[in-house]
Amino acid sequence: MISPFTRIAADRGDPVAQHQLGSFFERGSTGSNHDYLQAHEWYLKSANSGYPPAQYSMGMLYLSGYGVAPDPEIAATWFLKGARQGHALSQFELGCCCEKGNGLSPNPELAVSWYSLAANQGCASAQYSLGLCLLVGEGVLRDLRMAAGWLKMAAEQGHALAQFALGRCYSAGSGV
């Protein structure tokens, strides 16, 4: 249920409240079904004011196509805005766009740079992705010891794929 105070703050231009309101609509936490158009509207207001979590949310809407036509290029643009402000999830998603060429030209080296920034902030998914890049030498020189270290950090946060990859490192004696 949306607090009336959240609605008032959002209507008055508070970017945190606008983002929160967008999240309510996206998740369907308003007492009704998902309303992606309303989510987009509130996220956009917040994102345009420079709020990095909203910029990330806008990127995710455009990546997934919820409430908007899917557009990986627009998604990458929003991720870049959040990433430049140090938002770890935006940095991670921008790294994914760079690695896969989703909305951007493929650039494994740039992907590693964005993954590194997010991983150093404790983003488990970025730690996992960086670990994999190091494991196979994609966008960076292969370094099994460093790969296992990043995989271990992600695994300790409960990242299941990192736990599996780390288990394979131990099984093969790679970097551990």
N, C-alpha and C. Protein backbone atom coordinates (compact mmCIF):
# COMPACT_ATOMS: atom_id res chain seq x y z
N MET A 1 0.84 -1.19 0.00
CA MET A 1 0.00 0.00 0.00
C MET A 1 0.89 1.25 0.00
N ILE A 2 0.52 2.18 -0.80
CA ILE A 2 1.29 3.41 -0.91
C ILE A 2 0.94 4.34 0.24
N SER A 3 1.96 4.81 0.91
CA SER A 3 1.75 5.77 1.98
C SER A 3 1.31 7.10 1.37
N PRO A 4 0.35 7.78 1.98
CA PRO A 4 -0.03 9.08 1.45
C PRO A 4 1.13 10.07 1.47
N PHE A 5 2.05 9.88 2.41
CA PHE A 5 3.20 10.77 2.50
C PHE A 5 4.15 10.56 1.31
N THR A 6 4.27 9.31 0.87
CA THR A 6 5.09 9.01 -0.31
C THR A 6 4.49 9.69 -1.53
N ARG A 7 3.18 9.60 -1.67
CA ARG A 7 2.50 10.20 -2.82
C ARG A 7 2.66 11.73 -2.81
N ILE A 8 2.51 12.33 -1.65
CA ILE A 8 2.66 13.78 -1.55
C ILE A 8 4.09 14.19 -1.91
N ALA A 9 5.06 13.48 -1.36
CA ALA A 9 6.46 13.80 -1.63
C ALA A 9 6.77 13.61 -3.12
N ALA A 10 6.24 12.55 -3.71
CA ALA A 10 6.47 12.30 -5.14
C ALA A 10 5.85 13.42 -5.97
N ASP A 11 4.63 13.81 -5.64
CA ASP A 11 3.97 14.88 -6.37
C ASP A 11 4.71 16.21 -6.24
N ARG A 12 5.43 16.36 -5.15
CA ARG A 12 6.20 17.60 -4.94
C ARG A 12 7.61 17.53 -5.55
N GLY A 13 7.91 16.41 -6.20
CA GLY A 13 9.17 16.31 -6.93
C GLY A 13 10.32 15.63 -6.21
N ASP A 14 10.05 14.94 -5.10
CA ASP A 14 11.12 14.24 -4.40
C ASP A 14 11.51 12.99 -5.21
N PRO A 15 12.77 12.93 -5.69
CA PRO A 15 13.15 11.81 -6.56
C PRO A 15 13.13 10.45 -5.86
N VAL A 16 13.43 10.42 -4.57
CA VAL A 16 13.41 9.14 -3.85
C VAL A 16 11.97 8.63 -3.77
N ALA A 17 11.04 9.52 -3.43
CA ALA A 17 9.63 9.14 -3.36
C ALA A 17 9.09 8.76 -4.73
N GLN A 18 9.51 9.48 -5.77
CA GLN A 18 9.07 9.15 -7.12
C GLN A 18 9.56 7.76 -7.51
N HIS A 19 10.80 7.45 -7.17
CA HIS A 19 11.33 6.11 -7.48
C HIS A 19 10.57 5.05 -6.69
N GLN A 20 10.31 5.34 -5.43
CA GLN A 20 9.57 4.38 -4.61
C GLN A 20 8.17 4.14 -5.18
N LEU A 21 7.53 5.20 -5.62
CA LEU A 21 6.21 5.07 -6.21
C LEU A 21 6.28 4.24 -7.50
N GLY A 22 7.31 4.49 -8.31
CA GLY A 22 7.51 3.68 -9.51
C GLY A 22 7.68 2.21 -9.17
N SER A 23 8.43 1.93 -8.11
CA SER A 23 8.63 0.54 -7.67
C SER A 23 7.32 -0.11 -7.24
N PHE A 24 6.49 0.65 -6.54
CA PHE A 24 5.18 0.11 -6.14
C PHE A 24 4.38 -0.30 -7.37
N PHE A 25 4.33 0.57 -8.37
CA PHE A 25 3.57 0.26 -9.58
C PHE A 25 4.20 -0.90 -10.35
N GLU A 26 5.52 -0.94 -10.43
CA GLU A 26 6.17 -2.02 -11.16
C GLU A 26 5.90 -3.38 -10.53
N ARG A 27 5.96 -3.43 -9.21
CA ARG A 27 5.79 -4.71 -8.51
C ARG A 27 4.33 -5.08 -8.29
N GLY A 28 3.43 -4.13 -8.52
CA GLY A 28 2.02 -4.42 -8.24
C GLY A 28 1.72 -4.34 -6.77
N SER A 29 2.50 -3.55 -6.03
CA SER A 29 2.32 -3.43 -4.58
C SER A 29 1.32 -2.34 -4.21
N THR A 30 0.58 -1.86 -5.20
CA THR A 30 -0.36 -0.77 -4.95
C THR A 30 -1.75 -1.29 -4.60
N GLY A 31 -1.87 -2.57 -4.42
CA GLY A 31 -3.17 -3.17 -4.16
C GLY A 31 -3.84 -3.59 -5.46
N SER A 32 -3.16 -3.40 -6.57
CA SER A 32 -3.69 -3.82 -7.87
C SER A 32 -2.59 -4.56 -8.63
N ASN A 33 -2.86 -4.84 -9.88
CA ASN A 33 -1.85 -5.53 -10.69
C ASN A 33 -0.72 -4.58 -11.06
N HIS A 34 0.29 -5.12 -11.70
CA HIS A 34 1.42 -4.31 -12.18
C HIS A 34 0.88 -3.21 -13.09
N ASP A 35 1.42 -2.03 -12.97
CA ASP A 35 1.08 -0.93 -13.87
C ASP A 35 2.40 -0.35 -14.36
N TYR A 36 2.92 -0.95 -15.43
CA TYR A 36 4.23 -0.56 -15.93
C TYR A 36 4.25 0.83 -16.54
N LEU A 37 3.10 1.27 -17.05
CA LEU A 37 3.05 2.63 -17.59
C LEU A 37 3.21 3.66 -16.48
N GLN A 38 2.55 3.43 -15.35
CA GLN A 38 2.71 4.31 -14.19
C GLN A 38 4.13 4.19 -13.62
N ALA A 39 4.64 2.98 -13.60
CA ALA A 39 6.02 2.79 -13.12
C ALA A 39 6.97 3.61 -13.98
N HIS A 40 6.81 3.51 -15.28
CA HIS A 40 7.66 4.26 -16.21
C HIS A 40 7.55 5.76 -15.95
N GLU A 41 6.34 6.23 -15.79
CA GLU A 41 6.12 7.67 -15.56
C GLU A 41 6.86 8.16 -14.31
N TRP A 42 6.76 7.42 -13.22
CA TRP A 42 7.39 7.86 -11.96
C TRP A 42 8.90 7.66 -12.00
N TYR A 43 9.35 6.55 -12.58
CA TYR A 43 10.79 6.35 -12.71
C TYR A 43 11.41 7.45 -13.56
N LEU A 44 10.73 7.81 -14.65
CA LEU A 44 11.26 8.83 -15.55
C LEU A 44 11.41 10.17 -14.83
N LYS A 45 10.42 10.55 -14.05
CA LYS A 45 10.52 11.81 -13.29
C LYS A 45 11.73 11.77 -12.37
N SER A 46 11.89 10.67 -11.67
CA SER A 46 13.00 10.53 -10.73
C SER A 46 14.34 10.47 -11.47
N ALA A 47 14.39 9.70 -12.54
CA ALA A 47 15.63 9.53 -13.31
C ALA A 47 16.07 10.85 -13.93
N ASN A 48 15.11 11.61 -14.43
CA ASN A 48 15.46 12.90 -15.04
C ASN A 48 15.99 13.91 -14.03
N SER A 49 15.70 13.66 -12.76
CA SER A 49 16.26 14.54 -11.73
C SER A 49 17.67 14.09 -11.33
N GLY A 50 18.14 12.97 -11.92
CA GLY A 50 19.50 12.51 -11.67
C GLY A 50 19.64 11.45 -10.60
N TYR A 51 18.54 10.82 -10.19
CA TYR A 51 18.59 9.81 -9.12
C TYR A 51 19.03 8.47 -9.70
N PRO A 52 20.26 7.99 -9.35
CA PRO A 52 20.81 6.79 -9.98
C PRO A 52 19.96 5.53 -9.88
N PRO A 53 19.32 5.21 -8.73
CA PRO A 53 18.50 4.00 -8.73
C PRO A 53 17.34 4.06 -9.73
N ALA A 54 16.82 5.25 -9.97
CA ALA A 54 15.75 5.40 -10.96
C ALA A 54 16.30 5.25 -12.37
N GLN A 55 17.51 5.73 -12.60
CA GLN A 55 18.13 5.56 -13.91
C GLN A 55 18.34 4.08 -14.19
N TYR A 56 18.75 3.34 -13.18
CA TYR A 56 18.87 1.88 -13.30
C TYR A 56 17.51 1.26 -13.61
N SER A 57 16.48 1.67 -12.88
CA SER A 57 15.13 1.12 -13.10
C SER A 57 14.63 1.41 -14.50
N MET A 58 14.92 2.61 -15.01
CA MET A 58 14.54 2.93 -16.38
C MET A 58 15.27 1.99 -17.35
N GLY A 59 16.54 1.76 -17.12
CA GLY A 59 17.29 0.84 -17.96
C GLY A 59 16.67 -0.55 -17.95
N MET A 60 16.27 -1.00 -16.79
CA MET A 60 15.68 -2.34 -16.68
C MET A 60 14.34 -2.42 -17.41
N LEU A 61 13.53 -1.35 -17.35
CA LEU A 61 12.26 -1.36 -18.09
C LEU A 61 12.53 -1.48 -19.59
N TYR A 62 13.49 -0.70 -20.09
CA TYR A 62 13.79 -0.75 -21.52
C TYR A 62 14.47 -2.05 -21.92
N LEU A 63 15.22 -2.64 -21.03
CA LEU A 63 15.85 -3.92 -21.33
C LEU A 63 14.81 -5.03 -21.42
N SER A 64 13.85 -5.01 -20.49
CA SER A 64 12.84 -6.06 -20.41
C SER A 64 11.62 -5.80 -21.30
N GLY A 65 11.37 -4.53 -21.61
CA GLY A 65 10.19 -4.20 -22.39
C GLY A 65 8.92 -4.09 -21.58
N TYR A 66 9.03 -3.92 -20.29
CA TYR A 66 7.84 -3.75 -19.45
C TYR A 66 7.38 -2.30 -19.50
N GLY A 67 6.19 -2.09 -20.06
CA GLY A 67 5.60 -0.76 -20.13
C GLY A 67 6.14 0.10 -21.26
N VAL A 68 7.14 -0.39 -21.95
CA VAL A 68 7.76 0.33 -23.07
C VAL A 68 8.17 -0.70 -24.11
N ALA A 69 8.42 -0.23 -25.31
CA ALA A 69 8.97 -1.13 -26.32
C ALA A 69 10.40 -1.47 -25.92
N PRO A 70 10.79 -2.74 -25.98
CA PRO A 70 12.17 -3.08 -25.62
C PRO A 70 13.15 -2.31 -26.51
N ASP A 71 14.14 -1.72 -25.87
CA ASP A 71 15.14 -0.96 -26.62
C ASP A 71 16.46 -1.01 -25.87
N PRO A 72 17.34 -1.95 -26.23
CA PRO A 72 18.60 -2.11 -25.52
C PRO A 72 19.49 -0.87 -25.58
N GLU A 73 19.40 -0.09 -26.64
CA GLU A 73 20.22 1.12 -26.73
C GLU A 73 19.78 2.16 -25.70
N ILE A 74 18.47 2.33 -25.55
CA ILE A 74 17.98 3.26 -24.53
C ILE A 74 18.31 2.72 -23.15
N ALA A 75 18.19 1.40 -22.97
CA ALA A 75 18.54 0.79 -21.68
C ALA A 75 19.99 1.10 -21.33
N ALA A 76 20.88 0.90 -22.29
CA ALA A 76 22.31 1.14 -22.04
C ALA A 76 22.56 2.61 -21.71
N THR A 77 21.82 3.51 -22.35
CA THR A 77 21.97 4.95 -22.06
C THR A 77 21.60 5.25 -20.61
N TRP A 78 20.51 4.65 -20.15
CA TRP A 78 20.11 4.87 -18.74
C TRP A 78 21.11 4.23 -17.78
N PHE A 79 21.58 3.03 -18.10
CA PHE A 79 22.58 2.39 -17.24
C PHE A 79 23.84 3.25 -17.15
N LEU A 80 24.24 3.83 -18.27
CA LEU A 80 25.43 4.67 -18.28
C LEU A 80 25.26 5.89 -17.36
N LYS A 81 24.07 6.47 -17.37
CA LYS A 81 23.83 7.63 -16.49
C LYS A 81 23.99 7.25 -15.03
N GLY A 82 23.43 6.11 -14.64
CA GLY A 82 23.57 5.66 -13.27
C GLY A 82 24.98 5.22 -12.95
N ALA A 83 25.61 4.54 -13.90
CA ALA A 83 26.97 4.02 -13.70
C ALA A 83 27.96 5.15 -13.47
N ARG A 84 27.82 6.22 -14.22
CA ARG A 84 28.73 7.35 -14.08
C ARG A 84 28.63 8.00 -12.70
N GLN A 85 27.51 7.78 -12.02
CA GLN A 85 27.34 8.31 -10.67
C GLN A 85 27.73 7.29 -9.60
N GLY A 86 28.28 6.17 -10.03
CA GLY A 86 28.77 5.17 -9.08
C GLY A 86 27.74 4.16 -8.63
N HIS A 87 26.61 4.07 -9.29
CA HIS A 87 25.56 3.11 -8.90
C HIS A 87 25.98 1.71 -9.35
N ALA A 88 26.21 0.83 -8.39
CA ALA A 88 26.79 -0.50 -8.67
C ALA A 88 25.94 -1.35 -9.61
N LEU A 89 24.63 -1.38 -9.42
CA LEU A 89 23.80 -2.21 -10.29
C LEU A 89 23.80 -1.67 -11.72
N SER A 90 23.83 -0.35 -11.87
CA SER A 90 23.94 0.24 -13.21
C SER A 90 25.27 -0.13 -13.84
N GLN A 91 26.33 -0.09 -13.05
CA GLN A 91 27.65 -0.47 -13.56
C GLN A 91 27.65 -1.93 -14.00
N PHE A 92 27.05 -2.79 -13.21
CA PHE A 92 26.98 -4.21 -13.57
C PHE A 92 26.20 -4.41 -14.87
N GLU A 93 25.02 -3.81 -14.96
CA GLU A 93 24.19 -3.99 -16.16
C GLU A 93 24.87 -3.40 -17.39
N LEU A 94 25.57 -2.28 -17.21
CA LEU A 94 26.31 -1.70 -18.34
C LEU A 94 27.43 -2.64 -18.76
N GLY A 95 28.07 -3.28 -17.80
CA GLY A 95 29.08 -4.29 -18.12
C GLY A 95 28.48 -5.43 -18.94
N CYS A 96 27.29 -5.86 -18.56
CA CYS A 96 26.61 -6.93 -19.32
C CYS A 96 26.32 -6.46 -20.75
N CYS A 97 25.86 -5.21 -20.89
CA CYS A 97 25.60 -4.68 -22.23
C CYS A 97 26.87 -4.67 -23.06
N CYS A 98 27.98 -4.27 -22.45
CA CYS A 98 29.26 -4.23 -23.16
C CYS A 98 29.74 -5.64 -23.52
N GLU A 99 29.58 -6.57 -22.61
CA GLU A 99 30.05 -7.93 -22.86
C GLU A 99 29.26 -8.60 -23.98
N LYS A 100 27.93 -8.42 -23.94
CA LYS A 100 27.07 -9.13 -24.88
C LYS A 100 26.79 -8.34 -26.16
N GLY A 101 27.18 -7.06 -26.17
CA GLY A 101 26.83 -6.24 -27.32
C GLY A 101 25.34 -5.95 -27.37
N ASN A 102 24.74 -5.80 -26.22
CA ASN A 102 23.31 -5.56 -26.10
C ASN A 102 23.06 -4.06 -25.97
N GLY A 103 22.75 -3.41 -27.09
CA GLY A 103 22.54 -1.97 -27.09
C GLY A 103 23.81 -1.18 -27.32
N LEU A 104 24.93 -1.85 -27.29
CA LEU A 104 26.24 -1.24 -27.52
C LEU A 104 27.06 -2.21 -28.37
N SER A 105 28.13 -1.71 -28.94
CA SER A 105 29.05 -2.61 -29.63
C SER A 105 29.74 -3.48 -28.59
N PRO A 106 29.94 -4.75 -28.89
CA PRO A 106 30.63 -5.61 -27.92
C PRO A 106 32.02 -5.04 -27.60
N ASN A 107 32.33 -5.02 -26.32
CA ASN A 107 33.62 -4.50 -25.87
C ASN A 107 33.97 -5.20 -24.56
N PRO A 108 34.60 -6.37 -24.63
CA PRO A 108 34.90 -7.14 -23.42
C PRO A 108 35.79 -6.39 -22.43
N GLU A 109 36.73 -5.58 -22.92
CA GLU A 109 37.60 -4.83 -22.02
C GLU A 109 36.80 -3.81 -21.21
N LEU A 110 35.87 -3.12 -21.88
CA LEU A 110 35.03 -2.15 -21.18
C LEU A 110 34.09 -2.86 -20.21
N ALA A 111 33.60 -4.03 -20.60
CA ALA A 111 32.75 -4.82 -19.70
C ALA A 111 33.50 -5.12 -18.40
N VAL A 112 34.75 -5.54 -18.53
CA VAL A 112 35.56 -5.85 -17.34
C VAL A 112 35.73 -4.61 -16.48
N SER A 113 35.92 -3.45 -17.10
CA SER A 113 36.06 -2.21 -16.33
C SER A 113 34.80 -1.91 -15.51
N TRP A 114 33.64 -2.04 -16.15
CA TRP A 114 32.39 -1.78 -15.42
C TRP A 114 32.14 -2.84 -14.36
N TYR A 115 32.41 -4.11 -14.68
CA TYR A 115 32.26 -5.17 -13.68
C TYR A 115 33.17 -4.90 -12.48
N SER A 116 34.38 -4.45 -12.74
CA SER A 116 35.33 -4.19 -11.65
C SER A 116 34.82 -3.10 -10.71
N LEU A 117 34.29 -2.04 -11.28
CA LEU A 117 33.75 -0.96 -10.44
C LEU A 117 32.62 -1.46 -9.55
N ALA A 118 31.71 -2.22 -10.15
CA ALA A 118 30.58 -2.74 -9.37
C ALA A 118 31.04 -3.80 -8.37
N ALA A 119 31.96 -4.67 -8.78
CA ALA A 119 32.46 -5.73 -7.90
C ALA A 119 33.14 -5.15 -6.67
N ASN A 120 33.88 -4.08 -6.86
CA ASN A 120 34.56 -3.44 -5.73
C ASN A 120 33.59 -2.78 -4.76
N GLN A 121 32.35 -2.60 -5.18
CA GLN A 121 31.31 -2.09 -4.28
C GLN A 121 30.53 -3.23 -3.62
N GLY A 122 30.90 -4.47 -3.93
CA GLY A 122 30.26 -5.61 -3.29
C GLY A 122 29.11 -6.22 -4.07
N CYS A 123 28.93 -5.84 -5.32
CA CYS A 123 27.85 -6.41 -6.14
C CYS A 123 28.22 -7.85 -6.51
N ALA A 124 27.48 -8.80 -5.95
CA ALA A 124 27.81 -10.22 -6.14
C ALA A 124 27.75 -10.64 -7.60
N SER A 125 26.76 -10.16 -8.34
CA SER A 125 26.67 -10.53 -9.75
C SER A 125 27.86 -10.02 -10.54
N ALA A 126 28.33 -8.82 -10.20
CA ALA A 126 29.52 -8.28 -10.86
C ALA A 126 30.76 -9.06 -10.47
N GLN A 127 30.85 -9.46 -9.21
CA GLN A 127 31.98 -10.26 -8.77
C GLN A 127 32.02 -11.58 -9.52
N TYR A 128 30.86 -12.19 -9.69
CA TYR A 128 30.76 -13.44 -10.44
C TYR A 128 31.19 -13.24 -11.90
N SER A 129 30.64 -12.20 -12.53
CA SER A 129 30.95 -11.95 -13.94
C SER A 129 32.43 -11.62 -14.13
N LEU A 130 32.98 -10.83 -13.23
CA LEU A 130 34.40 -10.51 -13.30
C LEU A 130 35.23 -11.78 -13.11
N GLY A 131 34.82 -12.62 -12.18
CA GLY A 131 35.52 -13.89 -11.96
C GLY A 131 35.52 -14.75 -13.21
N LEU A 132 34.40 -14.81 -13.89
CA LEU A 132 34.34 -15.61 -15.13
C LEU A 132 35.24 -15.03 -16.21
N CYS A 133 35.24 -13.69 -16.34
CA CYS A 133 36.11 -13.06 -17.34
C CYS A 133 37.57 -13.40 -17.06
N LEU A 134 37.95 -13.35 -15.79
CA LEU A 134 39.32 -13.67 -15.41
C LEU A 134 39.63 -15.16 -15.61
N LEU A 135 38.64 -15.98 -15.40
CA LEU A 135 38.80 -17.43 -15.53
C LEU A 135 39.12 -17.82 -16.98
N VAL A 136 38.46 -17.16 -17.93
CA VAL A 136 38.64 -17.53 -19.34
C VAL A 136 39.50 -16.52 -20.11
N GLY A 137 39.85 -15.41 -19.48
CA GLY A 137 40.66 -14.41 -20.15
C GLY A 137 39.88 -13.59 -21.16
N GLU A 138 38.64 -13.29 -20.85
CA GLU A 138 37.80 -12.49 -21.74
C GLU A 138 37.85 -11.03 -21.32
N GLY A 139 38.46 -10.19 -22.14
CA GLY A 139 38.55 -8.76 -21.85
C GLY A 139 39.64 -8.41 -20.87
N VAL A 140 40.37 -9.42 -20.43
CA VAL A 140 41.42 -9.24 -19.42
C VAL A 140 42.35 -10.45 -19.52
N LEU A 141 43.57 -10.29 -19.06
CA LEU A 141 44.48 -11.43 -19.04
C LEU A 141 43.94 -12.49 -18.08
N ARG A 142 44.08 -13.73 -18.48
CA ARG A 142 43.61 -14.84 -17.64
C ARG A 142 44.41 -14.87 -16.34
N ASP A 143 43.68 -14.94 -15.22
CA ASP A 143 44.31 -14.99 -13.91
C ASP A 143 43.44 -15.88 -13.02
N LEU A 144 43.83 -17.14 -12.90
CA LEU A 144 43.01 -18.11 -12.18
C LEU A 144 42.89 -17.80 -10.70
N ARG A 145 43.96 -17.32 -10.10
CA ARG A 145 43.93 -17.01 -8.66
C ARG A 145 42.96 -15.84 -8.39
N MET A 146 43.07 -14.80 -9.21
CA MET A 146 42.19 -13.66 -9.03
C MET A 146 40.74 -14.04 -9.35
N ALA A 147 40.56 -14.88 -10.37
CA ALA A 147 39.22 -15.35 -10.71
C ALA A 147 38.59 -16.07 -9.53
N ALA A 148 39.33 -16.98 -8.93
CA ALA A 148 38.80 -17.72 -7.78
C ALA A 148 38.49 -16.78 -6.62
N GLY A 149 39.29 -15.74 -6.45
CA GLY A 149 39.04 -14.78 -5.38
C GLY A 149 37.72 -14.05 -5.57
N TRP A 150 37.46 -13.58 -6.79
CA TRP A 150 36.19 -12.89 -7.06
C TRP A 150 35.01 -13.85 -6.96
N LEU A 151 35.18 -15.07 -7.46
CA LEU A 151 34.11 -16.05 -7.36
C LEU A 151 33.81 -16.37 -5.90
N LYS A 152 34.84 -16.44 -5.09
CA LYS A 152 34.64 -16.72 -3.66
C LYS A 152 33.87 -15.59 -2.99
N MET A 153 34.20 -14.34 -3.33
CA MET A 153 33.46 -13.21 -2.73
C MET A 153 31.99 -13.27 -3.09
N ALA A 154 31.69 -13.58 -4.35
CA ALA A 154 30.29 -13.67 -4.77
C ALA A 154 29.62 -14.87 -4.12
N ALA A 155 30.33 -15.99 -4.06
CA ALA A 155 29.78 -17.21 -3.45
C ALA A 155 29.45 -16.99 -1.98
N GLU A 156 30.29 -16.26 -1.29
CA GLU A 156 30.04 -15.98 0.14
C GLU A 156 28.80 -15.13 0.35
N GLN A 157 28.36 -14.44 -0.69
CA GLN A 157 27.12 -13.67 -0.59
C GLN A 157 25.90 -14.50 -1.01
N GLY A 158 26.13 -15.77 -1.32
CA GLY A 158 25.03 -16.65 -1.67
C GLY A 158 24.74 -16.73 -3.16
N HIS A 159 25.60 -16.20 -3.99
CA HIS A 159 25.40 -16.24 -5.45
C HIS A 159 25.60 -17.69 -5.90
N ALA A 160 24.51 -18.34 -6.30
CA ALA A 160 24.54 -19.78 -6.60
C ALA A 160 25.46 -20.13 -7.76
N LEU A 161 25.44 -19.35 -8.82
CA LEU A 161 26.31 -19.66 -9.96
C LEU A 161 27.78 -19.49 -9.59
N ALA A 162 28.07 -18.52 -8.75
CA ALA A 162 29.45 -18.34 -8.28
C ALA A 162 29.88 -19.52 -7.41
N GLN A 163 28.96 -20.01 -6.59
CA GLN A 163 29.26 -21.16 -5.75
C GLN A 163 29.59 -22.37 -6.63
N PHE A 164 28.81 -22.55 -7.68
CA PHE A 164 29.05 -23.67 -8.60
C PHE A 164 30.41 -23.50 -9.29
N ALA A 165 30.66 -22.28 -9.82
CA ALA A 165 31.92 -22.04 -10.54
C ALA A 165 33.12 -22.20 -9.61
N LEU A 166 32.98 -21.73 -8.38
CA LEU A 166 34.07 -21.88 -7.41
C LEU A 166 34.30 -23.35 -7.09
N GLY A 167 33.21 -24.11 -6.97
CA GLY A 167 33.34 -25.55 -6.75
C GLY A 167 34.09 -26.22 -7.88
N ARG A 168 33.86 -25.79 -9.10
CA ARG A 168 34.58 -26.34 -10.25
C ARG A 168 36.05 -25.95 -10.20
N CYS A 169 36.33 -24.72 -9.70
CA CYS A 169 37.73 -24.31 -9.55
C CYS A 169 38.44 -25.22 -8.55
N TYR A 170 37.78 -25.49 -7.43
CA TYR A 170 38.37 -26.37 -6.43
C TYR A 170 38.55 -27.79 -6.99
N SER A 171 37.55 -28.26 -7.72
CA SER A 171 37.62 -29.59 -8.30
C SER A 171 38.80 -29.74 -9.27
N ALA A 172 39.03 -28.67 -10.06
CA ALA A 172 40.10 -28.70 -11.05
C ALA A 172 41.43 -28.19 -10.50
N GLY A 173 41.40 -27.64 -9.27
CA GLY A 173 42.62 -27.05 -8.71
C GLY A 173 43.03 -25.77 -9.43
N SER A 174 42.05 -25.05 -9.95
CA SER A 174 42.32 -23.82 -10.72
C SER A 174 42.25 -22.58 -9.84
N GLY A 175 43.41 -22.02 -9.54
CA GLY A 175 43.45 -20.76 -8.81
C GLY A 175 43.22 -20.85 -7.32
N VAL A 176 43.09 -22.05 -6.81
CA VAL A 176 42.82 -22.21 -5.37
C VAL A 176 43.93 -23.00 -4.70
